[in-house]
Protein backbone atom coordinates (compact mmCIF):
# COMPACT_ATOMS: atom_id res chain seq x y z
CA UNK A 1 -68.41 -16.75 -0.76
CA UNK A 2 -67.05 -15.15 2.25
CA UNK A 3 -63.93 -16.10 1.18
CA UNK A 4 -64.28 -14.65 -2.25
CA UNK A 5 -65.86 -11.26 -1.23
CA UNK A 6 -62.67 -11.26 0.91
CA UNK A 7 -60.61 -11.36 -1.86
CA UNK A 8 -62.13 -8.93 -4.04
CA UNK A 9 -61.76 -6.50 -0.64
CA UNK A 10 -58.37 -6.88 -0.31
CA UNK A 11 -57.59 -6.92 -3.56
CA UNK A 12 -59.36 -3.25 -4.24
CA UNK A 13 -61.48 -4.62 -6.98
CA UNK A 14 -64.38 -2.12 -6.86
CA UNK A 15 -65.36 1.19 -5.33
CA UNK A 16 -68.76 2.06 -4.44
CA UNK A 17 -69.65 5.17 -6.34
CA UNK A 18 -73.18 6.38 -7.29
CA UNK A 19 -74.28 5.32 -10.66
CA UNK A 20 -74.22 7.91 -13.36
CA UNK A 21 -77.11 8.68 -15.05
CA UNK A 22 -78.16 7.06 -18.48
CA UNK A 23 -75.24 4.79 -18.02
CA UNK A 24 -76.51 1.08 -17.93
CA UNK A 25 -74.61 -1.04 -15.16
CA UNK A 26 -73.55 -4.66 -16.05
CA UNK A 27 -74.88 -7.61 -13.47
CA UNK A 28 -73.18 -10.19 -11.80
CA UNK A 29 -73.81 -13.61 -10.22
CA UNK A 30 -72.58 -16.06 -8.09
CA UNK A 31 -71.06 -19.32 -10.12
CA UNK A 32 -70.18 -22.17 -7.88
CA UNK A 33 -68.07 -25.38 -8.80
CA UNK A 34 -66.71 -28.63 -7.41
CA UNK A 35 -63.15 -29.02 -7.90
CA UNK A 36 -61.90 -33.12 -8.11
CA UNK A 37 -58.63 -34.63 -7.46
CA UNK A 38 -57.76 -37.16 -10.68
CA UNK A 39 -59.67 -40.42 -9.11
CA UNK A 40 -62.90 -38.14 -9.01
CA UNK A 41 -62.87 -37.47 -5.62
CA UNK A 42 -63.69 -33.88 -4.11
CA UNK A 43 -61.10 -31.74 -3.26
CA UNK A 44 -62.85 -28.38 -2.57
CA UNK A 45 -66.11 -26.08 -3.56
CA UNK A 46 -65.60 -23.28 -4.91
CA UNK A 47 -67.69 -20.04 -5.21
CA UNK A 48 -66.78 -17.00 -7.43
CA UNK A 49 -68.44 -13.89 -8.34
CA UNK A 50 -68.78 -13.69 -11.94
CA UNK A 51 -69.45 -10.36 -13.88
CA UNK A 52 -72.35 -10.64 -17.14
CA UNK A 53 -69.94 -9.93 -19.73
CA UNK A 54 -72.26 -10.71 -22.35
CA UNK A 55 -73.93 -7.36 -21.71
CA UNK A 56 -70.23 -5.31 -22.16
CA UNK A 57 -71.13 -3.42 -25.79
CA UNK A 58 -67.69 -3.06 -27.63
CA UNK A 59 -65.82 -0.25 -27.72
CA UNK A 60 -67.77 1.52 -24.51
CA UNK A 61 -66.87 -0.87 -21.72
CA UNK A 62 -63.88 -3.04 -23.56
CA UNK A 63 -62.04 -2.85 -26.45
CA UNK A 64 -59.96 -6.01 -27.22
CA UNK A 65 -59.99 -9.43 -25.81
CA UNK A 66 -57.39 -12.20 -25.51
CA UNK A 67 -57.04 -15.46 -23.68
CA UNK A 68 -53.61 -17.01 -22.40
CA UNK A 69 -54.12 -20.39 -23.39
CA UNK A 70 -50.86 -22.59 -24.60
CA UNK A 71 -51.31 -24.59 -27.80
CA UNK A 72 -51.50 -28.15 -26.81
CA UNK A 73 -48.66 -28.96 -29.40
CA UNK A 74 -46.06 -26.87 -27.24
CA UNK A 75 -47.15 -28.49 -23.92
CA UNK A 76 -46.18 -31.82 -25.56
CA UNK A 77 -42.83 -30.53 -27.06
CA UNK A 78 -41.88 -28.97 -23.45
CA UNK A 79 -42.88 -32.40 -21.50
CA UNK A 80 -40.80 -34.27 -24.23
CA UNK A 81 -37.75 -31.87 -23.79
CA UNK A 82 -38.23 -32.16 -20.04
CA UNK A 83 -38.25 -36.01 -20.11
CA UNK A 84 -35.50 -36.04 -22.23
CA UNK A 85 -33.41 -33.75 -20.35
CA UNK A 86 -34.31 -35.19 -16.85
CA UNK A 87 -35.83 -32.21 -15.85
CA UNK A 88 -38.25 -31.71 -12.94
CA UNK A 89 -42.26 -30.33 -13.90
CA UNK A 90 -43.76 -28.09 -11.29
CA UNK A 91 -47.33 -26.77 -11.46
CA UNK A 92 -48.50 -23.68 -9.95
CA UNK A 93 -51.76 -22.10 -9.76
CA UNK A 94 -52.40 -17.94 -9.14
CA UNK A 95 -55.18 -17.15 -6.72
CA UNK A 96 -57.54 -15.42 -8.38
CA UNK A 97 -55.78 -14.36 -11.14
CA UNK A 98 -58.02 -12.51 -13.29
CA UNK A 99 -58.36 -9.70 -10.43
CA UNK A 100 -55.01 -9.03 -11.04
CA UNK A 101 -55.49 -6.97 -14.22
CA UNK A 102 -55.91 -3.47 -14.13
CA UNK A 103 -59.14 -2.26 -16.01
CA UNK A 104 -57.86 0.84 -18.62
CA UNK A 105 -61.68 0.92 -19.55
CA UNK A 106 -64.30 2.71 -17.48
CA UNK A 107 -66.84 -0.03 -16.49
CA UNK A 108 -69.92 0.26 -13.81
CA UNK A 109 -70.97 -3.20 -12.54
CA UNK A 110 -74.34 -3.59 -10.01
CA UNK A 111 -74.02 -4.80 -6.51
CA UNK A 112 -73.24 -8.39 -5.85
CA UNK A 113 -76.18 -10.30 -5.09
CA UNK A 114 -76.51 -10.16 -1.00
CA UNK A 115 -74.26 -7.17 -0.62
CA UNK A 116 -75.79 -3.76 -0.06
CA UNK A 117 -75.22 -0.55 0.66
CA UNK A 118 -76.40 2.47 3.04
CA UNK A 119 -76.88 4.82 0.23
CA UNK A 120 -78.91 4.23 -2.87
CA UNK A 121 -78.81 4.19 -6.27
CA UNK A 122 -75.19 2.93 -5.82
CA UNK A 123 -73.26 0.69 -8.08
CA UNK A 124 -69.31 -0.55 -8.37
CA UNK A 125 -66.66 1.05 -10.27
CA UNK A 126 -64.67 -1.76 -11.42
CA UNK A 127 -60.94 -1.25 -11.07
CA UNK A 128 -59.52 -4.27 -11.59
CA UNK A 129 -60.72 -7.13 -13.84
CA UNK A 130 -63.17 -9.56 -12.78
CA UNK A 131 -64.16 -13.13 -13.78
CA UNK A 132 -66.79 -12.75 -17.03
CA UNK A 133 -65.56 -9.46 -18.18
CA UNK A 134 -64.56 -9.73 -22.07
CA UNK A 135 -61.22 -8.42 -21.24
CA UNK A 136 -60.17 -9.91 -18.03
CA UNK A 137 -58.12 -12.61 -19.43
CA UNK A 138 -56.47 -9.68 -21.48
CA UNK A 139 -55.48 -7.66 -18.42
CA UNK A 140 -54.15 -10.83 -16.72
CA UNK A 141 -51.94 -11.46 -19.55
CA UNK A 142 -50.47 -8.44 -19.86
CA UNK A 143 -49.48 -8.01 -15.88
CA UNK A 144 -48.03 -11.67 -15.96
CA UNK A 145 -45.99 -11.45 -19.30
CA UNK A 146 -45.04 -7.79 -18.19
CA UNK A 147 -43.43 -9.30 -14.77
CA UNK A 148 -42.12 -12.21 -16.54
CA UNK A 149 -40.22 -10.02 -19.29
CA UNK A 150 -38.90 -8.08 -16.72
CA UNK A 151 -37.30 -11.12 -15.08
CA UNK A 152 -35.56 -12.41 -18.05
CA UNK A 153 -37.87 -13.90 -19.83
CA UNK A 154 -38.52 -13.79 -23.60
CA UNK A 155 -41.74 -14.91 -25.44
CA UNK A 156 -41.45 -17.08 -28.61
CA UNK A 157 -42.83 -16.27 -31.82
CA UNK A 158 -44.78 -19.50 -32.42
CA UNK A 159 -46.35 -19.47 -28.99
CA UNK A 160 -46.90 -16.18 -26.89
CA UNK A 161 -47.75 -18.54 -24.05
CA UNK A 162 -44.08 -20.09 -23.84
CA UNK A 163 -41.85 -17.59 -21.97
CA UNK A 164 -37.87 -19.10 -22.21
CA UNK A 165 -35.11 -17.74 -20.18
CA UNK A 166 -31.45 -18.54 -20.82
CA UNK A 167 -28.55 -17.59 -18.81
CA UNK A 168 -25.34 -19.34 -19.76
CA UNK A 169 -26.14 -22.84 -19.94
CA UNK A 170 -28.84 -22.66 -17.55
CA UNK A 171 -32.22 -22.97 -19.49
CA UNK A 172 -36.14 -21.96 -17.71
CA UNK A 173 -39.23 -22.95 -19.68
CA UNK A 174 -42.68 -21.34 -18.43
CA UNK A 175 -45.82 -22.54 -20.03
CA UNK A 176 -48.96 -20.31 -19.17
CA UNK A 177 -52.99 -21.45 -19.82
CA UNK A 178 -54.91 -18.84 -18.05
CA UNK A 179 -53.92 -19.17 -14.45
CA UNK A 180 -52.10 -22.49 -14.51
CA UNK A 181 -48.33 -22.44 -15.10
CA UNK A 182 -45.91 -24.96 -15.56
CA UNK A 183 -42.30 -24.61 -15.04
CA UNK A 184 -39.37 -26.91 -16.03
CA UNK A 185 -35.96 -26.06 -15.68
CA UNK A 186 -32.21 -27.34 -15.46
CA UNK A 187 -31.36 -24.82 -12.28
CA UNK A 188 -33.65 -25.90 -9.29
CA UNK A 189 -32.49 -21.99 -7.82
CA UNK A 190 -33.95 -20.68 -10.40
CA UNK A 191 -37.07 -22.36 -10.23
CA UNK A 192 -37.39 -21.30 -6.91
CA UNK A 193 -36.45 -17.81 -7.72
CA UNK A 194 -39.32 -17.28 -10.15
CA UNK A 195 -41.58 -18.71 -7.57
CA UNK A 196 -40.90 -16.45 -4.86
CA UNK A 197 -41.46 -13.35 -7.42
CA UNK A 198 -44.44 -15.26 -8.41
CA UNK A 199 -45.82 -15.25 -5.02
CA UNK A 200 -44.91 -11.63 -4.08
CA UNK A 201 -46.61 -10.29 -6.61
CA UNK A 202 -50.02 -12.33 -6.80
CA UNK A 203 -49.91 -15.46 -4.42
CA UNK A 204 -49.77 -18.91 -5.61
CA UNK A 205 -50.14 -22.22 -4.79
CA UNK A 206 -47.26 -24.19 -5.32
CA UNK A 207 -48.68 -27.78 -6.76
CA UNK A 208 -44.96 -28.63 -7.00
CA UNK A 209 -44.56 -31.73 -9.15
CA UNK A 210 -46.95 -31.83 -12.36
CA UNK A 211 -49.30 -34.83 -11.95
CA UNK A 212 -52.84 -33.03 -13.44
CA UNK A 213 -53.34 -30.66 -15.72
CA UNK A 214 -56.59 -29.79 -17.69
CA UNK A 215 -57.61 -32.99 -17.40
CA UNK A 216 -54.39 -34.83 -18.45
CA UNK A 217 -52.55 -37.03 -16.03
CA UNK A 218 -49.02 -37.13 -16.12
CA UNK A 219 -46.97 -39.86 -14.93
CA UNK A 220 -43.48 -39.97 -14.20
CA UNK A 221 -41.01 -42.35 -13.84
CA UNK A 222 -37.44 -43.52 -14.63
CA UNK A 223 -38.20 -44.20 -18.22
CA UNK A 224 -40.95 -42.02 -19.46
CA UNK A 225 -43.27 -39.53 -18.91
CA UNK A 226 -46.46 -40.35 -19.98
CA UNK A 227 -49.83 -38.33 -20.70
CA UNK A 228 -53.26 -39.59 -20.63
CA UNK A 229 -57.16 -38.38 -20.55
CA UNK A 230 -58.39 -41.67 -19.16
CA UNK A 231 -60.88 -39.95 -16.91
CA UNK A 232 -62.16 -37.49 -19.37
CA UNK A 233 -62.13 -40.40 -21.94
CA UNK A 234 -64.19 -42.27 -19.36
CA UNK A 235 -66.97 -39.59 -18.66
CA UNK A 236 -67.15 -38.98 -22.53
CA UNK A 237 -68.26 -42.40 -22.72
CA UNK A 238 -70.85 -42.49 -19.84
CA UNK A 239 -71.72 -39.39 -21.10
CA UNK A 240 -73.22 -40.81 -24.35
CA UNK A 241 -74.30 -43.98 -22.64
CA UNK A 242 -71.76 -46.17 -24.22
CA UNK A 243 -69.79 -47.62 -21.38
CA UNK A 244 -71.45 -51.18 -22.02
CA UNK A 245 -70.83 -50.76 -26.07
CA UNK A 246 -69.43 -53.42 -28.47
CA UNK A 247 -65.45 -52.06 -28.86
CA UNK A 248 -64.66 -51.02 -32.35
CA UNK A 249 -61.00 -52.06 -33.78
CA UNK A 250 -60.79 -48.64 -35.75
CA UNK A 251 -61.91 -44.73 -35.20
CA UNK A 252 -63.61 -45.22 -38.71
CA UNK A 253 -65.01 -47.99 -41.40
CA UNK A 254 -62.56 -47.88 -44.14
CA UNK A 255 -65.65 -48.50 -46.57
CA UNK A 256 -67.34 -45.54 -45.27
CA UNK A 257 -66.52 -42.04 -47.05
CA UNK A 258 -68.47 -39.43 -45.27
CA UNK A 259 -70.10 -36.69 -47.46
CA UNK A 260 -73.36 -34.22 -47.10
CA UNK A 261 -75.68 -37.03 -47.64
CA UNK A 262 -79.35 -37.07 -48.06
CA UNK A 263 -79.96 -39.11 -44.69
CA UNK A 264 -82.09 -37.64 -42.02
CA UNK A 265 -80.70 -34.24 -40.21
CA UNK A 266 -80.02 -34.61 -36.69
CA UNK A 267 -83.20 -33.08 -34.57
CA UNK A 268 -80.68 -31.29 -32.13
CA UNK A 269 -77.42 -30.96 -33.80
CA UNK A 270 -75.86 -29.26 -30.65
CA UNK A 271 -75.37 -32.72 -29.59
CA UNK A 272 -73.47 -33.78 -32.54
CA UNK A 273 -71.16 -30.56 -32.21
CA UNK A 274 -70.27 -31.01 -28.31
CA UNK A 275 -69.30 -34.64 -29.20
CA UNK A 276 -67.19 -33.54 -32.08
CA UNK A 277 -65.80 -30.71 -29.75
CA UNK A 278 -65.22 -33.02 -26.93
CA UNK A 279 -63.25 -35.21 -29.50
CA UNK A 280 -61.02 -32.22 -30.80
CA UNK A 281 -60.13 -32.07 -27.07
CA UNK A 282 -59.02 -35.54 -26.61
CA UNK A 283 -56.60 -35.98 -29.81
CA UNK A 284 -54.36 -33.75 -27.24
CA UNK A 285 -53.46 -37.35 -25.91
CA UNK A 286 -54.87 -39.80 -29.02
CA UNK A 287 -53.62 -38.45 -32.24
CA UNK A 288 -55.16 -41.82 -33.57
CA UNK A 289 -58.30 -40.36 -33.66
CA UNK A 290 -57.08 -37.25 -35.45
CA UNK A 291 -58.27 -38.22 -39.07
CA UNK A 292 -61.73 -39.60 -38.19
CA UNK A 293 -62.23 -36.16 -35.98
CA UNK A 294 -61.13 -34.16 -38.71
CA UNK A 295 -63.55 -35.70 -41.25
CA UNK A 296 -66.44 -35.20 -38.83
CA UNK A 297 -65.96 -31.84 -37.84
CA UNK A 298 -66.98 -30.92 -41.77
CA UNK A 299 -70.17 -31.30 -40.53
CA UNK A 300 -70.93 -29.28 -37.66
CA UNK A 301 -72.99 -27.24 -39.51
CA UNK A 302 -75.63 -29.33 -40.76
CA UNK A 303 -75.19 -32.86 -39.06
CA UNK A 304 -76.99 -36.14 -40.07
CA UNK A 305 -77.29 -39.38 -38.55
CA UNK A 306 -75.06 -40.87 -40.20
CA UNK A 307 -72.44 -38.46 -39.45
CA UNK A 308 -73.57 -39.59 -35.86
CA UNK A 309 -73.05 -42.65 -36.02
CA UNK A 310 -70.04 -42.53 -37.44
CA UNK A 311 -68.82 -40.15 -34.62
CA UNK A 312 -70.14 -43.19 -32.08
CA UNK A 313 -67.98 -45.62 -33.91
CA UNK A 314 -65.22 -43.03 -32.17
CA UNK A 315 -66.36 -43.55 -28.93
CA UNK A 316 -66.44 -47.97 -29.40
CA UNK A 317 -63.12 -47.34 -30.74
CA UNK A 318 -62.19 -45.12 -27.68
CA UNK A 319 -64.32 -48.09 -25.24
CA UNK A 320 -61.56 -50.66 -26.43
CA UNK A 321 -58.38 -48.89 -25.04
CA UNK A 322 -59.35 -45.98 -23.16
CA UNK A 323 -56.05 -45.53 -20.90
CA UNK A 324 -53.75 -45.37 -23.88
CA UNK A 325 -51.73 -42.02 -24.27
CA UNK A 326 -48.63 -40.32 -25.12
CA UNK A 327 -45.09 -41.84 -24.28
CA UNK A 328 -42.27 -39.94 -23.59
CA UNK A 329 -39.19 -42.13 -23.58
CA UNK A 330 -35.87 -40.57 -21.56
CA UNK A 331 -33.80 -42.25 -23.72
CA UNK A 332 -34.49 -40.41 -27.14
CA UNK A 333 -32.34 -38.14 -28.81
CA UNK A 334 -32.40 -34.45 -29.09
CA UNK A 335 -31.05 -31.85 -31.78
CA UNK A 336 -30.88 -28.48 -30.96
CA UNK A 337 -31.26 -26.03 -33.95
CA UNK A 338 -29.40 -22.49 -33.70
CA UNK A 339 -31.92 -20.53 -36.00
CA UNK A 340 -35.79 -21.05 -36.28
CA UNK A 341 -36.22 -20.84 -40.28
CA UNK A 342 -33.78 -18.17 -40.45
CA UNK A 343 -36.20 -15.48 -39.05
CA UNK A 344 -35.59 -15.92 -35.28
CA UNK A 345 -36.57 -12.37 -33.58
CA UNK A 346 -34.23 -11.87 -30.08
CA UNK A 347 -32.83 -15.22 -28.59
CA UNK A 348 -35.07 -17.98 -28.60
CA UNK A 349 -35.03 -21.73 -28.33
CA UNK A 350 -35.87 -23.80 -31.33
CA UNK A 351 -35.97 -27.70 -30.91
CA UNK A 352 -36.44 -30.02 -33.48
CA UNK A 353 -37.31 -33.45 -31.58
CA UNK A 354 -36.90 -37.07 -33.69
CA UNK A 355 -38.76 -38.54 -30.77
CA UNK A 356 -40.14 -41.56 -31.78
CA UNK A 357 -43.43 -40.59 -30.00
CA UNK A 358 -46.21 -43.18 -30.42
CA UNK A 359 -49.61 -44.41 -29.08
CA UNK A 360 -48.68 -46.86 -26.39
CA UNK A 361 -50.53 -48.31 -23.12
CA UNK A 362 -49.68 -46.40 -20.40
CA UNK A 363 -47.43 -47.87 -17.03
CA UNK A 364 -49.19 -50.51 -15.10
CA UNK A 365 -49.89 -47.52 -11.99
CA UNK A 366 -52.06 -45.55 -14.58
CA UNK A 367 -54.12 -48.70 -15.84
CA UNK A 368 -54.97 -49.95 -12.30
CA UNK A 369 -55.88 -46.49 -11.30
CA UNK A 370 -58.89 -46.44 -13.59
CA UNK A 371 -59.69 -49.95 -13.26
CA UNK A 372 -60.82 -51.91 -16.92
């Protein structure tokens, strides 16, 4: 908590002012989280001061929102390209990313818990964005994208969180997921340059070679790059109490056709919605459950017992092979298209990848990492 307050003070996030009359300042609170490594061990304890953005009023203290989240398909394409071209893939983490955004609206916040002022009736006039504000992610993205564009990067039309820089025969790809950044490039010098620029402006943690990203384990070898959500899959099975369940051979029973039938409704539909939402995220590395999950997602409004049992069958199928994931072989072929459907703006990279992607067991190190 002391480190967080020091960072806020150093960044000049707010200034203390007398609360204006008839203005209700938004509240704030401390949020605590345990950051873990891929094997489940504790990496560090984290405390963050978060504004209660749910009390903000649109048009008064925020106007627009946007969250810089790269598409899963874009991540897979970039990693496939890096695998084929033998490019290194490195990961950066921005320290207190949202605190770098400059607010354009006037926002007043109550004093943080355990934080006092010598004068009564004072509050914080926010100068920089703070975690929890509706516009925080938009302000951070605006500052980051402006910096990258000034460095010669261009946003792609198909994903605004993919930045590409092409100079002569050197190609650099940069992916943004909130405050996590992935970089791959055929030139080590440019990678070092952009790292220094980002560190000078925002202060970053250089995590070097990509190993764990958004709950996805990334393994590199001379033959491939493989992706797996093994731990995520096991956590899902554990939360649903199915670690000891009998595995299923397929995600759905071929004789079952889901519909809005007359079977009893679930007493708590949130359980079903939460389960389907977690399955939707698992599709990132398990396209074999895509069809089943798409069918289940059609009944989120009024799920029944039959729908819930069908969802549990998907989990029993995952129990059969929780270590499976995507396999990007390094000997695949690559074709580069000079245009993107004839509507390419500026100078962008368009990729057509006949990659022979498949669902396959991951290399031995990843399988043995998770045990069964």
